[in-house]
Amino acid sequence: MTTITPALLDDIRSRFAHVDTCPFTGPRVFFENAGGALTLNAVVDTTAKFAAIPDNQGRDNAASRALVSVIDTARADAATFLNARGGRIVVGESGTELLFRLIADACLGAPDGVVLGSTLEHPASRSACARWAGVAGKRHVLIPHDDTTGVVTPQAYAAHVTPDVMVATILHTSPVTGMAMDLPGIAAAIRAVAPDALIVVDGIQHACHGRIDLAAAGVDGYVISPYKMFSRHGYGLAWASDRLSALRHDALIGAPEGSWELGTRDTGAYATFSDVVGYFDWLGARVSDASDRRARIEAAGRAIHDHEAVLTSAMLHGTGNLPGLAEMPGVGIVGGVDNPAREGLVSFYVEGRASPDIVRALSDEGIRVHTRKADGYSGNVLTPLGRPDCVRVSLCHYNTEGEVGAFLAAMKRILG
């Protein structure tokens, strides 16, 4: 286990804006990271810096050349963070928009056959597959996920994949259950039967936890929403393999070969992603002796995972003299209590209590969490469980065990 010491945790927290205070309501514990993580102070500064620059890329002047250099650096930083070999780093409107674009290109460019996904997926990828499989005349097949554990396994994919699968989608981590999938295992199960399938991954919930290795995964597309990994709203980031990039996609007439961007993207978006990669690099240097940047990023991911595992264990099993959620009467845990796939997120419900009421009561106690309802976003997980809603508590590596204790104390008071 890689330990984030109390001193390092203080240093980590100092690098984020509004770490313990809401600018609208005052002091609070932020356990709504799956809805959008805290923002690095460096990202705030970089955003302001580039928002003030009037110049654009592609001009014959020093400012324009500097902006192009920033973009090139950010693309290289993103490739290092993802451990992506070849392909293209693409910046777009949002993670959802990029999932639609990559999936559309795969569906329209691949031969006739099946588009394969799972019932666990967020509607961003499910909706894109449903639309573009229909447009392309392909059959859309959804693999049922395991309601008990909140995951879909390589074995489940292996049982459903057929040689005519031309496009496949994978959810790396669920924003409802908080469980991570075995990405390399699922990709291998697909390729064992359909080696030429184009595989696109929704990494939006997973990215803030680190530990992304696209070279090992063997996929064709991976999509991130940077506001969920310490950057800001207003852009999405994706990687598309050489194979996927070679397919026809929306592009301006006369644009450079392989170009994905439509119009002039915000240079500040690229620059702020470099800030995020720089932060992982810094953290990795604090928790390891690695001399290579990629190795430091990997070390940061291990430290993040281990710290979040400690926090979720405390949330479930208690800390100090406070009982954990698993010990509180009437509380049920989505995905089970001791699930090794869990990544920094606990979703729960209380028998006889509406989840929005619990969320509101926690807010009154200064704890920021969120309700997930059996709607278009979360019904795929909650409806099979017979639950109309649940409370999602999503934490991150900058959260503390003391904040978990404050949450548990508030829950004890709320439940009486």
Protein backbone atom coordinates (compact mmCIF):
# COMPACT_ATOMS: atom_id res chain seq x y z
CA MET A 1 0.00 0.00 0.00
CA THR A 2 1.21 3.52 -0.87
CA THR A 3 0.57 5.86 2.04
CA ILE A 4 -0.43 9.50 1.79
CA THR A 5 0.85 10.89 5.07
CA PRO A 6 -1.00 13.60 7.04
CA ALA A 7 1.66 16.15 6.05
CA LEU A 8 1.37 15.24 2.37
CA LEU A 9 -2.43 15.34 2.60
CA ASP A 10 -2.23 18.90 3.90
CA ASP A 11 0.01 19.78 0.95
CA ILE A 12 -2.41 18.09 -1.45
CA ARG A 13 -5.39 19.98 -0.05
CA SER A 14 -3.57 23.30 -0.34
CA ARG A 15 -3.43 22.82 -4.11
CA PHE A 16 -7.20 22.78 -4.58
CA ALA A 17 -9.75 25.59 -4.58
CA HIS A 18 -12.63 25.54 -2.06
CA VAL A 19 -11.35 22.35 -0.46
CA ASP A 20 -13.41 22.79 2.71
CA THR A 21 -15.58 25.87 2.09
CA CYS A 22 -18.36 26.51 -0.41
CA PRO A 23 -18.28 30.11 -1.72
CA PHE A 24 -22.08 30.21 -1.39
CA THR A 25 -22.82 28.36 1.85
CA GLY A 26 -19.62 28.43 3.90
CA PRO A 27 -17.77 25.49 5.53
CA ARG A 28 -18.66 22.07 4.15
CA VAL A 29 -17.32 18.60 3.44
CA PHE A 30 -17.22 17.92 -0.29
CA PHE A 31 -18.33 14.37 -1.07
CA GLU A 32 -19.77 15.12 -4.52
CA ASN A 33 -16.63 14.48 -6.51
CA ALA A 34 -18.33 12.18 -9.04
CA GLY A 35 -20.46 15.15 -10.06
CA GLY A 36 -17.35 17.26 -10.63
CA ALA A 37 -14.11 17.16 -8.65
CA LEU A 38 -12.46 20.07 -6.89
CA THR A 39 -10.41 22.31 -9.16
CA LEU A 40 -6.66 22.72 -8.93
CA ASN A 41 -5.57 26.25 -8.06
CA ALA A 42 -3.15 25.99 -10.98
CA VAL A 43 -6.11 25.37 -13.32
CA VAL A 44 -7.87 28.49 -12.03
CA ASP A 45 -4.73 30.58 -12.66
CA THR A 46 -4.09 29.07 -16.09
CA THR A 47 -7.70 29.62 -17.15
CA ALA A 48 -7.50 33.31 -16.30
CA LYS A 49 -4.14 33.66 -18.03
CA PHE A 50 -5.28 32.20 -21.36
CA ALA A 51 -8.72 33.81 -21.26
CA ALA A 52 -6.94 37.18 -21.47
CA ILE A 53 -4.87 36.35 -24.57
CA PRO A 54 -6.50 37.68 -27.78
CA ASP A 55 -4.35 35.72 -30.25
CA ASN A 56 -5.32 32.47 -31.97
CA GLN A 57 -3.42 29.48 -33.29
CA GLY A 58 -2.18 29.31 -36.87
CA ARG A 59 -1.00 32.91 -37.30
CA ASP A 60 2.45 34.14 -38.23
CA ASN A 61 3.34 35.82 -34.96
CA ALA A 62 5.12 34.95 -31.75
CA ALA A 63 1.96 34.78 -29.64
CA SER A 64 0.29 32.35 -32.03
CA ARG A 65 3.37 30.15 -32.14
CA ALA A 66 3.45 30.12 -28.35
CA LEU A 67 -0.16 28.96 -28.24
CA VAL A 68 0.57 26.15 -30.70
CA SER A 69 3.48 25.08 -28.49
CA VAL A 70 1.15 24.95 -25.48
CA ILE A 71 -1.27 22.75 -27.43
CA ASP A 72 1.48 20.42 -28.65
CA THR A 73 2.80 20.07 -25.10
CA ALA A 74 -0.66 19.30 -23.76
CA ARG A 75 -1.22 16.60 -26.39
CA ALA A 76 2.09 14.99 -25.38
CA ASP A 77 1.21 15.29 -21.68
CA ALA A 78 -2.17 13.64 -22.26
CA ALA A 79 -0.58 10.79 -24.21
CA THR A 80 1.87 10.22 -21.36
CA PHE A 81 -0.91 10.28 -18.77
CA LEU A 82 -2.94 7.73 -20.76
CA ASN A 83 0.12 5.72 -21.85
CA ALA A 84 -1.25 5.97 -25.38
CA ARG A 85 0.86 4.81 -28.31
CA GLY A 86 0.21 6.58 -31.60
CA GLY A 87 -3.28 7.82 -32.40
CA ARG A 88 -4.61 11.31 -31.77
CA ILE A 89 -5.44 13.37 -28.68
CA VAL A 90 -8.73 15.15 -29.37
CA VAL A 91 -10.26 18.06 -27.48
CA GLY A 92 -13.98 18.68 -27.91
CA GLU A 93 -17.04 20.22 -26.31
CA SER A 94 -17.47 17.62 -23.55
CA GLY A 95 -16.88 13.98 -22.71
CA THR A 96 -20.40 13.11 -23.84
CA GLU A 97 -19.92 14.90 -27.18
CA LEU A 98 -16.67 13.04 -27.79
CA LEU A 99 -18.22 9.68 -26.97
CA PHE A 100 -20.90 10.43 -29.55
CA ARG A 101 -18.30 11.40 -32.16
CA LEU A 102 -16.02 8.40 -31.64
CA ILE A 103 -18.92 5.95 -31.52
CA ALA A 104 -20.54 7.50 -34.60
CA ASP A 105 -17.33 7.20 -36.60
CA ALA A 106 -16.86 3.59 -35.47
CA CYS A 107 -20.45 2.60 -36.28
CA LEU A 108 -20.47 4.31 -39.67
CA GLY A 109 -16.98 3.20 -40.65
CA ALA A 110 -17.02 -0.44 -39.56
CA PRO A 111 -18.43 -3.29 -41.71
CA ASP A 112 -21.94 -4.59 -41.09
CA GLY A 113 -22.37 -6.42 -37.82
CA VAL A 114 -23.05 -5.93 -34.11
CA VAL A 115 -22.47 -2.99 -31.76
CA LEU A 116 -21.86 -4.51 -28.32
CA GLY A 117 -22.17 -2.78 -24.94
CA SER A 118 -23.56 -3.39 -21.47
CA THR A 119 -26.54 -2.38 -19.38
CA LEU A 120 -24.19 -0.75 -16.87
CA GLU A 121 -23.11 2.02 -19.21
CA HIS A 122 -23.89 5.69 -18.74
CA PRO A 123 -26.44 7.03 -21.26
CA ALA A 124 -23.62 8.95 -22.97
CA SER A 125 -22.31 5.77 -24.59
CA ARG A 126 -25.59 3.82 -24.59
CA SER A 127 -27.43 6.66 -26.34
CA ALA A 128 -24.65 7.11 -28.87
CA CYS A 129 -24.63 3.40 -29.67
CA ALA A 130 -28.42 3.21 -29.92
CA ARG A 131 -28.51 6.14 -32.34
CA TRP A 132 -25.56 5.33 -34.56
CA ALA A 133 -26.07 1.57 -34.65
CA GLY A 134 -29.54 2.33 -35.99
CA VAL A 135 -28.27 4.82 -38.54
CA ALA A 136 -25.59 2.37 -39.69
CA GLY A 137 -28.01 -0.56 -39.85
CA LYS A 138 -26.16 -2.50 -37.16
CA ARG A 139 -27.67 -4.50 -34.30
CA HIS A 140 -27.13 -3.04 -30.80
CA VAL A 141 -26.66 -5.72 -28.14
CA LEU A 142 -26.48 -4.97 -24.40
CA ILE A 143 -24.84 -7.41 -21.98
CA PRO A 144 -26.60 -7.56 -18.59
CA HIS A 145 -24.45 -6.43 -15.69
CA ASP A 146 -24.39 -8.13 -12.27
CA ASP A 147 -26.95 -6.31 -10.08
CA THR A 148 -25.38 -7.65 -6.88
CA THR A 149 -21.82 -6.45 -7.48
CA GLY A 150 -22.53 -3.53 -9.82
CA VAL A 151 -20.02 -4.70 -12.43
CA VAL A 152 -19.90 -6.35 -15.83
CA THR A 153 -17.08 -8.88 -16.12
CA PRO A 154 -14.80 -10.16 -18.89
CA GLN A 155 -16.66 -13.46 -18.57
CA ALA A 156 -19.97 -11.71 -19.28
CA TYR A 157 -18.51 -10.12 -22.41
CA ALA A 158 -16.98 -13.46 -23.45
CA ALA A 159 -20.41 -15.10 -23.20
CA HIS A 160 -21.96 -12.57 -25.58
CA VAL A 161 -19.26 -11.53 -28.04
CA THR A 162 -19.57 -13.03 -31.53
CA PRO A 163 -17.29 -12.81 -34.58
CA ASP A 164 -19.59 -10.21 -36.16
CA VAL A 165 -19.03 -7.66 -33.36
CA MET A 166 -17.63 -4.66 -35.21
CA VAL A 167 -17.92 -2.01 -32.45
CA ALA A 168 -17.80 -2.50 -28.68
CA THR A 169 -18.10 -0.09 -25.78
CA ILE A 170 -16.84 -0.46 -22.21
CA LEU A 171 -17.57 1.60 -19.10
CA HIS A 172 -14.34 1.83 -17.10
CA THR A 173 -15.96 2.90 -13.80
CA SER A 174 -19.64 3.33 -12.97
CA PRO A 175 -20.70 6.75 -11.61
CA VAL A 176 -23.60 5.03 -9.80
CA THR A 177 -22.06 1.92 -8.23
CA GLY A 178 -18.51 3.30 -8.09
CA MET A 179 -17.14 -0.01 -9.31
CA ALA A 180 -14.29 -0.26 -11.81
CA MET A 181 -14.35 -2.81 -14.61
CA ASP A 182 -11.44 -5.03 -15.64
CA LEU A 183 -10.70 -3.03 -18.79
CA PRO A 184 -7.79 -5.13 -20.16
CA GLY A 185 -9.71 -8.32 -19.37
CA ILE A 186 -12.85 -7.17 -21.16
CA ALA A 187 -10.90 -5.90 -24.17
CA ALA A 188 -9.05 -9.22 -24.37
CA ALA A 189 -12.34 -11.15 -24.20
CA ILE A 190 -13.68 -9.10 -27.11
CA ARG A 191 -10.54 -9.43 -29.22
CA ALA A 192 -10.34 -13.20 -28.64
CA VAL A 193 -13.50 -13.59 -30.73
CA ALA A 194 -13.72 -10.33 -32.71
CA PRO A 195 -10.10 -9.19 -33.13
CA ASP A 196 -10.92 -6.32 -35.48
CA ALA A 197 -13.66 -4.75 -33.36
CA LEU A 198 -13.32 -1.04 -32.67
CA ILE A 199 -13.42 -0.64 -28.87
CA VAL A 200 -14.40 2.71 -27.32
CA VAL A 201 -14.16 3.30 -23.56
CA ASP A 202 -16.04 5.72 -21.30
CA GLY A 203 -13.32 6.70 -18.82
CA ILE A 204 -15.13 9.75 -17.45
CA GLN A 205 -15.69 8.45 -13.92
CA HIS A 206 -12.42 6.55 -13.71
CA ALA A 207 -9.92 9.20 -14.76
CA CYS A 208 -9.58 11.11 -11.48
CA HIS A 209 -8.42 7.93 -9.76
CA GLY A 210 -5.50 7.51 -12.19
CA ARG A 211 -4.19 4.10 -13.27
CA ILE A 212 -5.01 4.40 -16.98
CA ASP A 213 -2.81 2.33 -19.31
CA LEU A 214 -4.14 2.30 -22.85
CA ALA A 215 -1.11 0.46 -24.23
CA ALA A 216 -1.98 -2.46 -21.94
CA ALA A 217 -5.72 -2.19 -22.57
CA GLY A 218 -5.56 -2.48 -26.34
CA VAL A 219 -8.57 -0.30 -27.14
CA ASP A 220 -9.30 2.25 -29.89
CA GLY A 221 -10.86 5.16 -28.05
CA TYR A 222 -10.88 6.55 -24.52
CA VAL A 223 -12.86 9.57 -23.36
CA ILE A 224 -12.41 11.86 -20.31
CA SER A 225 -14.35 14.79 -18.85
CA PRO A 226 -11.58 16.92 -17.32
CA TYR A 227 -13.88 18.74 -14.89
CA LYS A 228 -14.16 15.39 -13.12
CA MET A 229 -10.38 15.14 -12.79
CA PHE A 230 -9.38 18.46 -11.22
CA SER A 231 -9.65 20.67 -14.31
CA ARG A 232 -12.68 22.72 -15.35
CA HIS A 233 -15.89 22.65 -17.36
CA GLY A 234 -16.04 23.60 -21.03
CA TYR A 235 -14.12 20.84 -22.77
CA GLY A 236 -13.70 17.09 -23.11
CA LEU A 237 -10.61 15.09 -23.99
CA ALA A 238 -10.28 11.83 -25.90
CA TRP A 239 -7.71 9.57 -27.47
CA ALA A 240 -8.47 7.89 -30.79
CA SER A 241 -6.26 5.13 -32.19
CA ASP A 242 -4.69 5.35 -35.63
CA ARG A 243 -7.28 2.83 -36.82
CA LEU A 244 -10.21 4.88 -35.53
CA SER A 245 -8.67 8.16 -36.72
CA ALA A 246 -8.31 6.75 -40.24
CA LEU A 247 -12.08 6.40 -40.59
CA ARG A 248 -14.11 9.22 -42.08
CA HIS A 249 -15.21 11.74 -39.49
CA ASP A 250 -16.61 15.25 -39.34
CA ALA A 251 -13.90 17.63 -40.49
CA LEU A 252 -13.57 20.90 -42.35
CA ILE A 253 -12.81 20.71 -46.07
CA GLY A 254 -9.11 21.34 -46.53
CA ALA A 255 -8.29 20.71 -42.85
CA PRO A 256 -4.97 18.97 -42.12
CA GLU A 257 -5.07 15.19 -42.49
CA GLY A 258 -6.22 13.51 -39.28
CA SER A 259 -7.62 16.68 -37.75
CA TRP A 260 -10.57 16.14 -35.41
CA GLU A 261 -11.16 19.61 -33.99
CA LEU A 262 -14.02 21.62 -35.48
CA GLY A 263 -13.05 25.26 -35.30
CA THR A 264 -10.60 26.89 -32.91
CA ARG A 265 -10.54 25.23 -29.50
CA ASP A 266 -9.65 27.09 -26.33
CA THR A 267 -5.89 26.98 -25.77
CA GLY A 268 -6.59 27.30 -22.05
CA ALA A 269 -8.36 23.94 -22.12
CA TYR A 270 -5.21 22.24 -23.37
CA ALA A 271 -3.06 24.15 -20.91
CA THR A 272 -5.23 23.21 -17.94
CA PHE A 273 -4.97 19.54 -18.82
CA SER A 274 -1.21 19.94 -18.66
CA ASP A 275 -1.76 21.32 -15.15
CA VAL A 276 -3.61 18.12 -14.23
CA VAL A 277 -0.86 15.88 -15.61
CA GLY A 278 1.70 18.04 -13.82
CA TYR A 279 -0.18 17.49 -10.58
CA PHE A 280 -0.10 13.69 -11.00
CA ASP A 281 3.61 13.98 -11.76
CA TRP A 282 4.17 16.05 -8.58
CA LEU A 283 2.17 13.61 -6.42
CA GLY A 284 4.01 10.63 -7.87
CA ALA A 285 7.33 12.24 -6.97
CA ARG A 286 6.12 12.65 -3.38
CA VAL A 287 5.10 9.01 -2.95
CA SER A 288 7.87 7.30 -4.93
CA ASP A 289 11.49 7.58 -6.04
CA ALA A 290 10.60 7.10 -9.71
CA SER A 291 12.76 9.08 -12.11
CA ASP A 292 10.55 8.57 -15.18
CA ARG A 293 7.46 10.76 -15.62
CA ARG A 294 5.15 7.93 -16.62
CA ALA A 295 6.32 5.91 -13.60
CA ARG A 296 5.56 8.87 -11.32
CA ILE A 297 2.06 9.15 -12.80
CA GLU A 298 1.54 5.44 -12.14
CA ALA A 299 2.78 5.88 -8.56
CA ALA A 300 0.32 8.73 -8.06
CA GLY A 301 -2.51 6.49 -9.25
CA ARG A 302 -1.54 3.80 -6.75
CA ALA A 303 -1.40 6.33 -3.92
CA ILE A 304 -4.79 7.75 -4.88
CA HIS A 305 -6.34 4.28 -5.02
CA ASP A 306 -4.88 3.23 -1.66
CA HIS A 307 -5.94 6.42 0.14
CA GLU A 308 -9.46 6.25 -1.25
CA ALA A 309 -9.68 2.58 -0.20
CA VAL A 310 -8.88 3.60 3.37
CA LEU A 311 -11.56 6.29 3.28
CA THR A 312 -14.28 4.07 1.81
CA SER A 313 -13.45 1.34 4.32
CA ALA A 314 -13.87 3.85 7.14
CA MET A 315 -17.14 5.03 5.62
CA LEU A 316 -18.47 1.47 5.46
CA HIS A 317 -17.01 0.01 8.66
CA GLY A 318 -16.57 3.05 10.88
CA THR A 319 -13.81 5.19 12.29
CA GLY A 320 -13.01 5.91 15.93
CA ASN A 321 -16.14 5.14 17.91
CA LEU A 322 -18.46 5.95 15.01
CA PRO A 323 -20.26 3.08 13.30
CA GLY A 324 -19.95 2.75 9.54
CA LEU A 325 -22.81 2.76 7.06
CA ALA A 326 -22.78 -1.05 6.93
CA GLU A 327 -23.51 -1.14 10.68
CA MET A 328 -26.36 1.39 10.64
CA PRO A 329 -29.89 -0.03 10.82
CA GLY A 330 -31.88 0.04 7.60
CA VAL A 331 -28.93 1.05 5.42
CA GLY A 332 -28.26 -0.91 2.23
CA ILE A 333 -25.10 -0.56 0.11
CA VAL A 334 -25.35 -0.61 -3.68
CA GLY A 335 -22.86 -3.15 -5.05
CA GLY A 336 -22.34 -4.80 -1.67
CA VAL A 337 -20.23 -3.81 1.31
CA ASP A 338 -16.82 -5.34 0.68
CA ASN A 339 -16.40 -5.04 -3.07
CA PRO A 340 -12.78 -4.91 -4.32
CA ALA A 341 -13.86 -3.09 -7.49
CA ARG A 342 -14.96 0.02 -5.54
CA GLU A 343 -13.24 3.31 -6.45
CA GLY A 344 -13.83 6.16 -4.03
CA LEU A 345 -17.63 5.99 -4.08
CA VAL A 346 -20.35 4.56 -1.86
CA SER A 347 -23.99 4.61 -2.91
CA PHE A 348 -26.52 3.66 -0.24
CA TYR A 349 -30.20 3.80 0.62
CA VAL A 350 -32.14 3.81 3.88
CA GLU A 351 -35.25 1.66 4.18
CA GLY A 352 -38.32 3.81 4.67
CA ARG A 353 -36.47 7.07 3.98
CA ALA A 354 -36.41 8.98 0.70
CA SER A 355 -32.84 9.57 -0.47
CA PRO A 356 -33.47 13.27 -1.33
CA ASP A 357 -34.48 13.80 2.31
CA ILE A 358 -31.21 12.23 3.49
CA VAL A 359 -29.23 14.40 1.05
CA ARG A 360 -31.02 17.52 2.30
CA ALA A 361 -30.42 16.59 5.93
CA LEU A 362 -26.73 16.01 5.22
CA SER A 363 -26.55 19.38 3.49
CA ASP A 364 -27.96 20.98 6.63
CA GLU A 365 -25.08 19.31 8.50
CA GLY A 366 -22.53 20.75 6.06
CA ILE A 367 -21.99 17.54 4.05
CA ARG A 368 -22.30 17.79 0.24
CA VAL A 369 -23.56 14.55 -1.37
CA HIS A 370 -25.99 13.78 -4.19
CA THR A 371 -29.19 11.87 -4.98
CA ARG A 372 -29.24 9.36 -7.81
CA LYS A 373 -32.75 8.51 -9.04
CA ALA A 374 -34.10 5.64 -11.11
CA ASP A 375 -34.23 7.86 -14.19
CA GLY A 376 -32.48 7.94 -17.56
CA TYR A 377 -29.11 8.34 -15.86
CA SER A 378 -29.28 5.75 -13.08
CA GLY A 379 -32.39 3.65 -13.69
CA ASN A 380 -30.29 0.96 -15.36
CA VAL A 381 -28.69 0.28 -11.96
CA LEU A 382 -31.44 1.19 -9.48
CA THR A 383 -34.56 -0.22 -11.19
CA PRO A 384 -33.33 -3.85 -11.16
CA LEU A 385 -32.60 -3.39 -7.44
CA GLY A 386 -36.15 -2.17 -6.83
CA ARG A 387 -34.85 1.17 -5.53
CA PRO A 388 -36.38 4.49 -6.60
CA ASP A 389 -33.26 6.37 -5.52
CA CYS A 390 -30.03 6.25 -3.53
CA VAL A 391 -27.55 8.59 -1.88
CA ARG A 392 -24.19 8.84 -3.67
CA VAL A 393 -21.20 9.71 -1.49
CA SER A 394 -18.22 10.23 -3.79
CA LEU A 395 -14.85 11.08 -2.32
CA CYS A 396 -11.38 11.72 -3.62
CA HIS A 397 -7.79 11.47 -2.45
CA TYR A 398 -7.83 15.01 -1.03
CA ASN A 399 -10.59 14.02 1.41
CA THR A 400 -9.66 13.08 4.98
CA GLU A 401 -10.68 10.46 7.49
CA GLY A 402 -11.85 13.33 9.69
CA GLU A 403 -14.31 14.32 6.96
CA VAL A 404 -15.54 10.73 6.82
CA GLY A 405 -16.03 10.91 10.58
CA ALA A 406 -18.06 14.11 10.20
CA PHE A 407 -20.25 12.37 7.62
CA LEU A 408 -20.80 9.32 9.84
CA ALA A 409 -21.61 11.49 12.87
CA ALA A 410 -24.15 13.39 10.78
CA MET A 411 -25.71 10.14 9.55
CA LYS A 412 -25.96 8.87 13.13
CA ARG A 413 -27.86 12.00 14.11
CA ILE A 414 -30.09 11.89 11.03
CA LEU A 415 -31.04 8.25 11.52
CA GLY A 416 -31.54 8.73 15.25
